[in-house]
């Protein structure tokens, strides 16, 4: 199974939705709270060009935020990405 990392902050509704979607598919993931980590926030901005959370990575590749994750799920592409091993 793929390695999934979700970068979040507390009280983020889209973060909750992304985690709920992954949990509903029984996908294990690592959650990283970036609220008090300016260096990690800068790294996320450098890598994803996005300031928002969540930012979701599958096998080390950024796939976007909740809307992108939901779109991948609807298209069936998420299952393909999750089936790939690291």
C-alpha atoms as a PDB file:
ATOM      1  CA  UNK A   1       0.000   0.000   0.000  1.00  0.00           C
ATOM      2  CA  UNK A   2       1.075   3.564  -0.615  1.00  0.00           C
ATOM      3  CA  UNK A   3       2.523   5.867   2.022  1.00  0.00           C
ATOM      4  CA  UNK A   4       0.113   8.747   2.678  1.00  0.00           C
ATOM      5  CA  UNK A   5       1.009  11.902   4.602  1.00  0.00           C
ATOM      6  CA  UNK A   6      -1.531  14.615   5.387  1.00  0.00           C
ATOM      7  CA  UNK A   7      -0.221  18.023   6.482  1.00  0.00           C
ATOM      8  CA  UNK A   8      -2.826  19.758   8.622  1.00  0.00           C
ATOM      9  CA  UNK A   9      -3.591  22.433  11.180  1.00  0.00           C
ATOM     10  CA  UNK A  10      -6.101  22.266  14.036  1.00  0.00           C
ATOM     11  CA  UNK A  11      -9.636  23.495  13.377  1.00  0.00           C
ATOM     12  CA  UNK A  12      -9.295  23.031   9.607  1.00  0.00           C
ATOM     13  CA  UNK A  13     -12.560  21.738   8.173  1.00  0.00           C
ATOM     14  CA  UNK A  14     -10.984  20.590   4.925  1.00  0.00           C
ATOM     15  CA  UNK A  15      -8.344  18.700   6.905  1.00  0.00           C
ATOM     16  CA  UNK A  16     -11.103  16.877   8.777  1.00  0.00           C
ATOM     17  CA  UNK A  17     -12.843  16.040   5.493  1.00  0.00           C
ATOM     18  CA  UNK A  18      -9.629  14.716   3.924  1.00  0.00           C
ATOM     19  CA  UNK A  19      -8.899  12.508   6.930  1.00  0.00           C
ATOM     20  CA  UNK A  20     -12.515  11.297   6.955  1.00  0.00           C
ATOM     21  CA  UNK A  21     -12.305  10.339   3.269  1.00  0.00           C
ATOM     22  CA  UNK A  22      -9.074   8.400   3.844  1.00  0.00           C
ATOM     23  CA  UNK A  23     -10.410   6.732   6.986  1.00  0.00           C
ATOM     24  CA  UNK A  24     -13.563   5.747   5.092  1.00  0.00           C
ATOM     25  CA  UNK A  25     -11.388   3.940   2.576  1.00  0.00           C
ATOM     26  CA  UNK A  26      -9.397   2.320   5.437  1.00  0.00           C
ATOM     27  CA  UNK A  27      -6.226   4.046   4.251  1.00  0.00           C
ATOM     28  CA  UNK A  28      -3.548   4.402   6.918  1.00  0.00           C
ATOM     29  CA  UNK A  29      -1.916   7.818   6.880  1.00  0.00           C
ATOM     30  CA  UNK A  30       0.497   9.933   8.860  1.00  0.00           C
ATOM     31  CA  UNK A  31      -0.794  13.315  10.014  1.00  0.00           C
ATOM     32  CA  UNK A  32       1.674  16.179  10.405  1.00  0.00           C
ATOM     33  CA  UNK A  33       0.466  19.293  12.225  1.00  0.00           C
ATOM     34  CA  UNK A  34       2.263  22.280  10.700  1.00  0.00           C
ATOM     35  CA  UNK A  35       0.550  25.006  12.726  1.00  0.00           C
ATOM     36  CA  UNK A  36       3.594  25.763  14.890  1.00  0.00           C
ATOM     37  CA  UNK A  37       6.294  24.869  12.389  1.00  0.00           C
ATOM     38  CA  UNK A  38       7.242  27.802  10.114  1.00  0.00           C
ATOM     39  CA  UNK A  39      10.015  25.793   8.464  1.00  0.00           C
ATOM     40  CA  UNK A  40       7.616  22.999   7.522  1.00  0.00           C
ATOM     41  CA  UNK A  41       5.060  25.560   6.235  1.00  0.00           C
ATOM     42  CA  UNK A  42       7.775  27.126   4.052  1.00  0.00           C
ATOM     43  CA  UNK A  43       8.777  23.696   2.777  1.00  0.00           C
ATOM     44  CA  UNK A  44       5.140  22.945   1.885  1.00  0.00           C
ATOM     45  CA  UNK A  45       4.876  26.258   0.022  1.00  0.00           C
ATOM     46  CA  UNK A  46       8.115  25.551  -1.855  1.00  0.00           C
ATOM     47  CA  UNK A  47       7.018  22.032  -2.835  1.00  0.00           C
ATOM     48  CA  UNK A  48       3.305  22.547  -3.506  1.00  0.00           C
ATOM     49  CA  UNK A  49       3.085  26.282  -4.283  1.00  0.00           C
ATOM     50  CA  UNK A  50       0.075  26.279  -1.939  1.00  0.00           C
ATOM     51  CA  UNK A  51      -0.362  28.061   1.391  1.00  0.00           C
ATOM     52  CA  UNK A  52      -3.459  26.104   2.373  1.00  0.00           C
ATOM     53  CA  UNK A  53      -3.927  22.870   4.259  1.00  0.00           C
ATOM     54  CA  UNK A  54      -4.482  20.072   4.014  1.00  0.00           C
ATOM     55  CA  UNK A  55      -1.709  19.151   1.673  1.00  0.00           C
ATOM     56  CA  UNK A  56      -1.722  15.455   0.873  1.00  0.00           C
ATOM     57  CA  UNK A  57       1.222  13.437  -0.355  1.00  0.00           C
ATOM     58  CA  UNK A  58       1.013   9.902  -1.722  1.00  0.00           C
ATOM     59  CA  UNK A  59       4.328   8.089  -1.996  1.00  0.00           C
ATOM     60  CA  UNK A  60       6.134  11.385  -1.544  1.00  0.00           C
ATOM     61  CA  UNK A  61       4.304  13.151  -4.363  1.00  0.00           C
ATOM     62  CA  UNK A  62       1.928  16.044  -3.643  1.00  0.00           C
ATOM     63  CA  UNK A  63      -1.616  15.395  -4.853  1.00  0.00           C
ATOM     64  CA  UNK A  64      -3.149  18.625  -3.519  1.00  0.00           C
ATOM     65  CA  UNK A  65      -5.756  19.416  -0.920  1.00  0.00           C
ATOM     66  CA  UNK A  66      -9.142  17.985  -0.045  1.00  0.00           C
ATOM     67  CA  UNK A  67     -10.854  19.022  -3.306  1.00  0.00           C
ATOM     68  CA  UNK A  68      -8.091  17.350  -5.308  1.00  0.00           C
ATOM     69  CA  UNK A  69      -8.276  14.212  -3.158  1.00  0.00           C
ATOM     70  CA  UNK A  70     -12.060  14.036  -3.596  1.00  0.00           C
ATOM     71  CA  UNK A  71     -11.690  14.502  -7.369  1.00  0.00           C
ATOM     72  CA  UNK A  72      -9.135  11.673  -7.499  1.00  0.00           C
ATOM     73  CA  UNK A  73     -11.519   9.501  -5.490  1.00  0.00           C
ATOM     74  CA  UNK A  74     -14.488  10.191  -7.782  1.00  0.00           C
ATOM     75  CA  UNK A  75     -12.435   9.390 -10.892  1.00  0.00           C
ATOM     76  CA  UNK A  76     -11.053   6.141  -9.444  1.00  0.00           C
ATOM     77  CA  UNK A  77      -7.494   7.454  -9.738  1.00  0.00           C
ATOM     78  CA  UNK A  78      -7.077   7.562  -5.952  1.00  0.00           C
ATOM     79  CA  UNK A  79      -7.457   3.777  -5.702  1.00  0.00           C
ATOM     80  CA  UNK A  80      -4.760   3.338  -8.356  1.00  0.00           C
ATOM     81  CA  UNK A  81      -2.380   5.692  -6.529  1.00  0.00           C
ATOM     82  CA  UNK A  82      -3.046   3.982  -3.213  1.00  0.00           C
ATOM     83  CA  UNK A  83      -2.358   0.549  -4.705  1.00  0.00           C
ATOM     84  CA  UNK A  84       1.184   1.598  -5.667  1.00  0.00           C
ATOM     85  CA  UNK A  85       3.817   0.710  -3.122  1.00  0.00           C
ATOM     86  CA  UNK A  86       6.577   3.060  -2.010  1.00  0.00           C
END
